[in-house]
């Protein structure tokens, strides 16, 4: 998974949209990011008033999948 873009870059994208009225495509080209990234940054700012990245969604961390990791699948059809 790619790392989030910096908050500084997110702010510059929002400022360029507000001050210059550039299109999403122009912003993407100017800041060397994808159009979808511009869309997500501007939507996040519009919906939350902030450009801070959302916290990680959770789930099982990579450390839990290391060599020798064991998973208890519980009693099921294949249980002995």
PDB file of N, CA and C in Angstrom:
ATOM      1  N   UNK A   1       0.855  -1.177   0.000  1.00  0.00           N
ATOM      2  CA  UNK A   1       0.000   0.000   0.000  1.00  0.00           C
ATOM      3  C   UNK A   1       0.896   1.234   0.000  1.00  0.00           C
ATOM      4  N   UNK A   2       0.591   2.183  -0.869  1.00  0.00           N
ATOM      5  CA  UNK A   2       1.413   3.387  -0.913  1.00  0.00           C
ATOM      6  C   UNK A   2       1.259   4.216   0.358  1.00  0.00           C
ATOM      7  N   UNK A   3       2.286   4.977   0.642  1.00  0.00           N
ATOM      8  CA  UNK A   3       2.221   5.838   1.820  1.00  0.00           C
ATOM      9  C   UNK A   3       1.371   7.061   1.511  1.00  0.00           C
ATOM     10  N   UNK A   4       0.705   7.625   2.521  1.00  0.00           N
ATOM     11  CA  UNK A   4      -0.113   8.817   2.290  1.00  0.00           C
ATOM     12  C   UNK A   4       0.755   9.996   1.853  1.00  0.00           C
ATOM     13  N   UNK A   5       0.177  10.889   1.050  1.00  0.00           N
ATOM     14  CA  UNK A   5       0.932  12.081   0.663  1.00  0.00           C
ATOM     15  C   UNK A   5       1.012  13.014   1.866  1.00  0.00           C
ATOM     16  N   UNK A   6       2.006  13.866   1.879  1.00  0.00           N
ATOM     17  CA  UNK A   6       2.240  14.728   3.035  1.00  0.00           C
ATOM     18  C   UNK A   6       1.098  15.720   3.230  1.00  0.00           C
ATOM     19  N   UNK A   7       0.939  16.141   4.467  1.00  0.00           N
ATOM     20  CA  UNK A   7      -0.078  17.138   4.791  1.00  0.00           C
ATOM     21  C   UNK A   7       0.244  18.442   4.070  1.00  0.00           C
ATOM     22  N   UNK A   8       1.524  18.771   3.958  1.00  0.00           N
ATOM     23  CA  UNK A   8       1.928  19.988   3.245  1.00  0.00           C
ATOM     24  C   UNK A   8       1.430  19.963   1.798  1.00  0.00           C
ATOM     25  N   UNK A   9       1.601  18.837   1.122  1.00  0.00           N
ATOM     26  CA  UNK A   9       1.146  18.723  -0.262  1.00  0.00           C
ATOM     27  C   UNK A   9      -0.377  18.792  -0.332  1.00  0.00           C
ATOM     28  N   UNK A  10      -1.052  18.177   0.608  1.00  0.00           N
ATOM     29  CA  UNK A  10      -2.517  18.240   0.655  1.00  0.00           C
ATOM     30  C   UNK A  10      -2.981  19.698   0.781  1.00  0.00           C
ATOM     31  N   UNK A  11      -2.321  20.456   1.646  1.00  0.00           N
ATOM     32  CA  UNK A  11      -2.678  21.864   1.839  1.00  0.00           C
ATOM     33  C   UNK A  11      -2.446  22.654   0.559  1.00  0.00           C
ATOM     34  N   UNK A  12      -1.323  22.395  -0.107  1.00  0.00           N
ATOM     35  CA  UNK A  12      -1.025  23.112  -1.351  1.00  0.00           C
ATOM     36  C   UNK A  12      -2.048  22.801  -2.437  1.00  0.00           C
ATOM     37  N   UNK A  13      -2.531  21.568  -2.487  1.00  0.00           N
ATOM     38  CA  UNK A  13      -3.567  21.193  -3.457  1.00  0.00           C
ATOM     39  C   UNK A  13      -4.846  21.980  -3.186  1.00  0.00           C
ATOM     40  N   UNK A  14      -5.265  22.012  -1.919  1.00  0.00           N
ATOM     41  CA  UNK A  14      -6.487  22.741  -1.556  1.00  0.00           C
ATOM     42  C   UNK A  14      -6.334  24.230  -1.850  1.00  0.00           C
ATOM     43  N   UNK A  15      -5.203  24.805  -1.475  1.00  0.00           N
ATOM     44  CA  UNK A  15      -4.987  26.239  -1.714  1.00  0.00           C
ATOM     45  C   UNK A  15      -5.001  26.567  -3.200  1.00  0.00           C
ATOM     46  N   UNK A  16      -4.378  25.721  -4.014  1.00  0.00           N
ATOM     47  CA  UNK A  16      -4.350  25.977  -5.451  1.00  0.00           C
ATOM     48  C   UNK A  16      -5.753  25.889  -6.042  1.00  0.00           C
ATOM     49  N   UNK A  17      -6.558  24.993  -5.533  1.00  0.00           N
ATOM     50  CA  UNK A  17      -7.942  24.870  -6.016  1.00  0.00           C
ATOM     51  C   UNK A  17      -8.745  26.125  -5.647  1.00  0.00           C
ATOM     52  N   UNK A  18      -8.598  26.587  -4.408  1.00  0.00           N
ATOM     53  CA  UNK A  18      -9.371  27.740  -3.926  1.00  0.00           C
ATOM     54  C   UNK A  18      -8.878  29.034  -4.571  1.00  0.00           C
ATOM     55  N   UNK A  19      -7.561  29.251  -4.565  1.00  0.00           N
ATOM     56  CA  UNK A  19      -7.012  30.526  -5.041  1.00  0.00           C
ATOM     57  C   UNK A  19      -6.981  30.639  -6.561  1.00  0.00           C
ATOM     58  N   UNK A  20      -6.606  29.548  -7.235  1.00  0.00           N
ATOM     59  CA  UNK A  20      -6.420  29.612  -8.682  1.00  0.00           C
ATOM     60  C   UNK A  20      -7.598  29.030  -9.458  1.00  0.00           C
ATOM     61  N   UNK A  21      -8.460  28.286  -8.777  1.00  0.00           N
ATOM     62  CA  UNK A  21      -9.599  27.676  -9.452  1.00  0.00           C
ATOM     63  C   UNK A  21      -9.212  26.618 -10.463  1.00  0.00           C
ATOM     64  N   UNK A  22      -8.058  25.998 -10.271  1.00  0.00           N
ATOM     65  CA  UNK A  22      -7.599  24.989 -11.215  1.00  0.00           C
ATOM     66  C   UNK A  22      -8.497  23.757 -11.179  1.00  0.00           C
ATOM     67  N   UNK A  23      -8.584  23.088 -12.325  1.00  0.00           N
ATOM     68  CA  UNK A  23      -9.362  21.860 -12.400  1.00  0.00           C
ATOM     69  C   UNK A  23      -8.608  20.737 -11.697  1.00  0.00           C
ATOM     70  N   UNK A  24      -9.321  19.645 -11.432  1.00  0.00           N
ATOM     71  CA  UNK A  24      -8.685  18.491 -10.800  1.00  0.00           C
ATOM     72  C   UNK A  24      -7.537  17.978 -11.668  1.00  0.00           C
ATOM     73  N   UNK A  25      -7.749  17.967 -12.971  1.00  0.00           N
ATOM     74  CA  UNK A  25      -6.707  17.493 -13.887  1.00  0.00           C
ATOM     75  C   UNK A  25      -5.477  18.395 -13.843  1.00  0.00           C
ATOM     76  N   UNK A  26      -5.703  19.707 -13.802  1.00  0.00           N
ATOM     77  CA  UNK A  26      -4.583  20.648 -13.722  1.00  0.00           C
ATOM     78  C   UNK A  26      -3.822  20.478 -12.410  1.00  0.00           C
ATOM     79  N   UNK A  27      -4.556  20.290 -11.325  1.00  0.00           N
ATOM     80  CA  UNK A  27      -3.909  20.094 -10.024  1.00  0.00           C
ATOM     81  C   UNK A  27      -3.091  18.808 -10.020  1.00  0.00           C
ATOM     82  N   UNK A  28      -3.641  17.759 -10.580  1.00  0.00           N
ATOM     83  CA  UNK A  28      -2.925  16.474 -10.627  1.00  0.00           C
ATOM     84  C   UNK A  28      -1.624  16.616 -11.401  1.00  0.00           C
ATOM     85  N   UNK A  29      -1.675  17.283 -12.526  1.00  0.00           N
ATOM     86  CA  UNK A  29      -0.465  17.480 -13.332  1.00  0.00           C
ATOM     87  C   UNK A  29       0.532  18.378 -12.601  1.00  0.00           C
ATOM     88  N   UNK A  30       0.050  19.454 -12.014  1.00  0.00           N
ATOM     89  CA  UNK A  30       0.922  20.423 -11.326  1.00  0.00           C
ATOM     90  C   UNK A  30       1.673  19.782 -10.157  1.00  0.00           C
ATOM     91  N   UNK A  31       0.972  18.945  -9.385  1.00  0.00           N
ATOM     92  CA  UNK A  31       1.578  18.377  -8.176  1.00  0.00           C
ATOM     93  C   UNK A  31       2.059  16.937  -8.351  1.00  0.00           C
ATOM     94  N   UNK A  32       1.994  16.428  -9.579  1.00  0.00           N
ATOM     95  CA  UNK A  32       2.494  15.076  -9.901  1.00  0.00           C
ATOM     96  C   UNK A  32       1.829  13.994  -9.052  1.00  0.00           C
ATOM     97  N   UNK A  33       0.515  14.077  -8.982  1.00  0.00           N
ATOM     98  CA  UNK A  33      -0.277  13.048  -8.303  1.00  0.00           C
ATOM     99  C   UNK A  33      -1.406  12.663  -9.249  1.00  0.00           C
ATOM    100  N   UNK A  34      -2.093  11.604  -8.943  1.00  0.00           N
ATOM    101  CA  UNK A  34      -3.209  11.184  -9.773  1.00  0.00           C
ATOM    102  C   UNK A  34      -4.447  12.045  -9.541  1.00  0.00           C
ATOM    103  N   UNK A  35      -5.325  12.049 -10.536  1.00  0.00           N
ATOM    104  CA  UNK A  35      -6.565  12.805 -10.413  1.00  0.00           C
ATOM    105  C   UNK A  35      -7.392  12.281  -9.240  1.00  0.00           C
ATOM    106  N   UNK A  36      -7.387  10.973  -9.018  1.00  0.00           N
ATOM    107  CA  UNK A  36      -8.133  10.385  -7.904  1.00  0.00           C
ATOM    108  C   UNK A  36      -7.605  10.887  -6.562  1.00  0.00           C
ATOM    109  N   UNK A  37      -6.297  11.106  -6.474  1.00  0.00           N
ATOM    110  CA  UNK A  37      -5.711  11.642  -5.245  1.00  0.00           C
ATOM    111  C   UNK A  37      -6.226  13.051  -4.990  1.00  0.00           C
ATOM    112  N   UNK A  38      -6.258  13.859  -6.028  1.00  0.00           N
ATOM    113  CA  UNK A  38      -6.793  15.219  -5.900  1.00  0.00           C
ATOM    114  C   UNK A  38      -8.239  15.144  -5.436  1.00  0.00           C
ATOM    115  N   UNK A  39      -9.013  14.277  -6.037  1.00  0.00           N
ATOM    116  CA  UNK A  39     -10.415  14.118  -5.660  1.00  0.00           C
ATOM    117  C   UNK A  39     -10.552  13.744  -4.187  1.00  0.00           C
ATOM    118  N   UNK A  40      -9.759  12.773  -3.733  1.00  0.00           N
ATOM    119  CA  UNK A  40      -9.836  12.335  -2.328  1.00  0.00           C
ATOM    120  C   UNK A  40      -9.433  13.443  -1.356  1.00  0.00           C
ATOM    121  N   UNK A  41      -8.373  14.176  -1.680  1.00  0.00           N
ATOM    122  CA  UNK A  41      -7.912  15.261  -0.798  1.00  0.00           C
ATOM    123  C   UNK A  41      -8.971  16.348  -0.692  1.00  0.00           C
ATOM    124  N   UNK A  42      -9.524  16.763  -1.822  1.00  0.00           N
ATOM    125  CA  UNK A  42     -10.517  17.833  -1.808  1.00  0.00           C
ATOM    126  C   UNK A  42     -11.825  17.375  -1.147  1.00  0.00           C
ATOM    127  N   UNK A  43     -12.204  16.117  -1.355  1.00  0.00           N
ATOM    128  CA  UNK A  43     -13.409  15.600  -0.695  1.00  0.00           C
ATOM    129  C   UNK A  43     -13.202  15.525   0.809  1.00  0.00           C
ATOM    130  N   UNK A  44     -12.035  15.062   1.232  1.00  0.00           N
ATOM    131  CA  UNK A  44     -11.734  14.980   2.668  1.00  0.00           C
ATOM    132  C   UNK A  44     -11.802  16.364   3.306  1.00  0.00           C
ATOM    133  N   UNK A  45     -11.232  17.357   2.632  1.00  0.00           N
ATOM    134  CA  UNK A  45     -11.258  18.726   3.166  1.00  0.00           C
ATOM    135  C   UNK A  45     -12.686  19.273   3.215  1.00  0.00           C
ATOM    136  N   UNK A  46     -13.442  18.983   2.185  1.00  0.00           N
ATOM    137  CA  UNK A  46     -14.824  19.469   2.109  1.00  0.00           C
ATOM    138  C   UNK A  46     -15.703  18.812   3.188  1.00  0.00           C
ATOM    139  N   UNK A  47     -15.519  17.508   3.408  1.00  0.00           N
ATOM    140  CA  UNK A  47     -16.372  16.773   4.337  1.00  0.00           C
ATOM    141  C   UNK A  47     -15.964  16.927   5.796  1.00  0.00           C
ATOM    142  N   UNK A  48     -14.664  17.098   6.060  1.00  0.00           N
ATOM    143  CA  UNK A  48     -14.189  17.137   7.445  1.00  0.00           C
ATOM    144  C   UNK A  48     -13.619  18.483   7.852  1.00  0.00           C
ATOM    145  N   UNK A  49     -13.287  19.332   6.865  1.00  0.00           N
ATOM    146  CA  UNK A  49     -12.650  20.605   7.167  1.00  0.00           C
ATOM    147  C   UNK A  49     -11.163  20.458   7.445  1.00  0.00           C
ATOM    148  N   UNK A  50     -10.631  19.264   7.204  1.00  0.00           N
ATOM    149  CA  UNK A  50      -9.219  18.992   7.462  1.00  0.00           C
ATOM    150  C   UNK A  50      -8.650  18.183   6.308  1.00  0.00           C
ATOM    151  N   UNK A  51      -7.337  18.268   6.139  1.00  0.00           N
ATOM    152  CA  UNK A  51      -6.669  17.439   5.136  1.00  0.00           C
ATOM    153  C   UNK A  51      -5.790  16.382   5.795  1.00  0.00           C
ATOM    154  N   UNK A  52      -5.896  16.247   7.105  1.00  0.00           N
ATOM    155  CA  UNK A  52      -5.119  15.228   7.820  1.00  0.00           C
ATOM    156  C   UNK A  52      -5.532  13.844   7.324  1.00  0.00           C
ATOM    157  N   UNK A  53      -4.565  12.949   7.111  1.00  0.00           N
ATOM    158  CA  UNK A  53      -4.929  11.607   6.656  1.00  0.00           C
ATOM    159  C   UNK A  53      -5.772  10.882   7.701  1.00  0.00           C
ATOM    160  N   UNK A  54      -6.660  10.041   7.230  1.00  0.00           N
ATOM    161  CA  UNK A  54      -7.481   9.251   8.138  1.00  0.00           C
ATOM    162  C   UNK A  54      -6.596   8.237   8.855  1.00  0.00           C
ATOM    163  N   UNK A  55      -6.965   7.848  10.060  1.00  0.00           N
ATOM    164  CA  UNK A  55      -6.170   6.838  10.750  1.00  0.00           C
ATOM    165  C   UNK A  55      -6.268   5.501  10.034  1.00  0.00           C
ATOM    166  N   UNK A  56      -5.280   4.668  10.282  1.00  0.00           N
ATOM    167  CA  UNK A  56      -5.264   3.333   9.695  1.00  0.00           C
ATOM    168  C   UNK A  56      -6.520   2.589  10.114  1.00  0.00           C
ATOM    169  N   UNK A  57      -7.081   1.830   9.219  1.00  0.00           N
ATOM    170  CA  UNK A  57      -8.344   1.153   9.465  1.00  0.00           C
ATOM    171  C   UNK A  57      -8.283  -0.011  10.424  1.00  0.00           C
ATOM    172  N   UNK A  58      -7.103  -0.444  10.797  1.00  0.00           N
ATOM    173  CA  UNK A  58      -7.005  -1.554  11.738  1.00  0.00           C
ATOM    174  C   UNK A  58      -6.742  -2.857  11.009  1.00  0.00           C
ATOM    175  N   UNK A  59      -7.298  -3.909  11.546  1.00  0.00           N
ATOM    176  CA  UNK A  59      -7.064  -5.221  10.960  1.00  0.00           C
ATOM    177  C   UNK A  59      -5.865  -5.875  11.610  1.00  0.00           C
ATOM    178  N   UNK A  60      -5.495  -6.989  11.072  1.00  0.00           N
ATOM    179  CA  UNK A  60      -4.371  -7.750  11.609  1.00  0.00           C
ATOM    180  C   UNK A  60      -3.086  -7.171  11.046  1.00  0.00           C
ATOM    181  N   UNK A  61      -2.173  -6.810  11.929  1.00  0.00           N
ATOM    182  CA  UNK A  61      -0.904  -6.233  11.509  1.00  0.00           C
ATOM    183  C   UNK A  61       0.013  -7.254  10.875  1.00  0.00           C
ATOM    184  N   UNK A  62       0.989  -6.781  10.122  1.00  0.00           N
ATOM    185  CA  UNK A  62       1.926  -7.662   9.434  1.00  0.00           C
ATOM    186  C   UNK A  62       2.715  -8.518  10.419  1.00  0.00           C
ATOM    187  N   UNK A  63       2.956  -8.007  11.629  1.00  0.00           N
ATOM    188  CA  UNK A  63       3.719  -8.759  12.621  1.00  0.00           C
ATOM    189  C   UNK A  63       3.001 -10.050  12.997  1.00  0.00           C
ATOM    190  N   UNK A  64       1.693 -10.090  12.834  1.00  0.00           N
ATOM    191  CA  UNK A  64       0.931 -11.283  13.179  1.00  0.00           C
ATOM    192  C   UNK A  64       0.997 -12.357  12.109  1.00  0.00           C
ATOM    193  N   UNK A  65       1.648 -12.070  10.985  1.00  0.00           N
ATOM    194  CA  UNK A  65       1.734 -13.026   9.889  1.00  0.00           C
ATOM    195  C   UNK A  65       3.154 -13.497   9.648  1.00  0.00           C
ATOM    196  N   UNK A  66       4.019 -13.312  10.611  1.00  0.00           N
ATOM    197  CA  UNK A  66       5.417 -13.677  10.436  1.00  0.00           C
ATOM    198  C   UNK A  66       5.628 -15.172  10.337  1.00  0.00           C
ATOM    199  N   UNK A  67       6.865 -15.570  10.081  1.00  0.00           N
ATOM    200  CA  UNK A  67       7.183 -16.993   9.985  1.00  0.00           C
ATOM    201  C   UNK A  67       6.778 -17.722  11.268  1.00  0.00           C
ATOM    202  N   UNK A  68       6.199 -18.863  11.093  1.00  0.00           N
ATOM    203  CA  UNK A  68       5.798 -19.666  12.243  1.00  0.00           C
ATOM    204  C   UNK A  68       4.501 -19.220  12.885  1.00  0.00           C
ATOM    205  N   UNK A  69       3.833 -18.233  12.292  1.00  0.00           N
ATOM    206  CA  UNK A  69       2.572 -17.769  12.867  1.00  0.00           C
ATOM    207  C   UNK A  69       1.551 -18.891  12.793  1.00  0.00           C
ATOM    208  N   UNK A  70       0.782 -19.029  13.845  1.00  0.00           N
ATOM    209  CA  UNK A  70      -0.236 -20.081  13.881  1.00  0.00           C
ATOM    210  C   UNK A  70      -1.594 -19.426  14.018  1.00  0.00           C
ATOM    211  N   UNK A  71      -2.531 -19.972  13.311  1.00  0.00           N
ATOM    212  CA  UNK A  71      -3.880 -19.437  13.350  1.00  0.00           C
ATOM    213  C   UNK A  71      -4.820 -20.508  13.860  1.00  0.00           C
ATOM    214  N   UNK A  72      -5.580 -20.169  14.873  1.00  0.00           N
ATOM    215  CA  UNK A  72      -6.577 -21.089  15.410  1.00  0.00           C
ATOM    216  C   UNK A  72      -7.835 -20.919  14.600  1.00  0.00           C
ATOM    217  N   UNK A  73      -8.130 -21.908  13.811  1.00  0.00           N
ATOM    218  CA  UNK A  73      -9.316 -21.832  12.953  1.00  0.00           C
ATOM    219  C   UNK A  73     -10.561 -22.336  13.657  1.00  0.00           C
ATOM    220  N   UNK A  74     -10.413 -22.756  14.894  1.00  0.00           N
ATOM    221  CA  UNK A  74     -11.572 -23.227  15.647  1.00  0.00           C
ATOM    222  C   UNK A  74     -12.035 -24.590  15.173  1.00  0.00           C
ATOM    223  N   UNK A  75     -13.062 -25.102  15.818  1.00  0.00           N
ATOM    224  CA  UNK A  75     -13.601 -26.403  15.450  1.00  0.00           C
ATOM    225  C   UNK A  75     -14.427 -26.243  14.179  1.00  0.00           C
ATOM    226  N   UNK A  76     -14.130 -27.011  13.212  1.00  0.00           N
ATOM    227  CA  UNK A  76     -14.865 -26.934  11.953  1.00  0.00           C
ATOM    228  C   UNK A  76     -14.940 -28.310  11.326  1.00  0.00           C
ATOM    229  N   UNK A  77     -15.322 -28.385  10.108  1.00  0.00           N
ATOM    230  CA  UNK A  77     -15.509 -29.651   9.411  1.00  0.00           C
ATOM    231  C   UNK A  77     -14.206 -30.450   9.363  1.00  0.00           C
ATOM    232  N   UNK A  78     -13.083 -29.764   9.259  1.00  0.00           N
ATOM    233  CA  UNK A  78     -11.798 -30.477   9.147  1.00  0.00           C
ATOM    234  C   UNK A  78     -11.096 -30.679  10.477  1.00  0.00           C
ATOM    235  N   UNK A  79     -11.716 -30.303  11.587  1.00  0.00           N
ATOM    236  CA  UNK A  79     -11.085 -30.413  12.894  1.00  0.00           C
ATOM    237  C   UNK A  79     -11.002 -31.869  13.312  1.00  0.00           C
ATOM    238  N   UNK A  80      -9.905 -32.220  13.973  1.00  0.00           N
ATOM    239  CA  UNK A  80      -9.720 -33.598  14.415  1.00  0.00           C
ATOM    240  C   UNK A  80     -10.152 -33.776  15.838  1.00  0.00           C
TER     241      UNK A  80
END
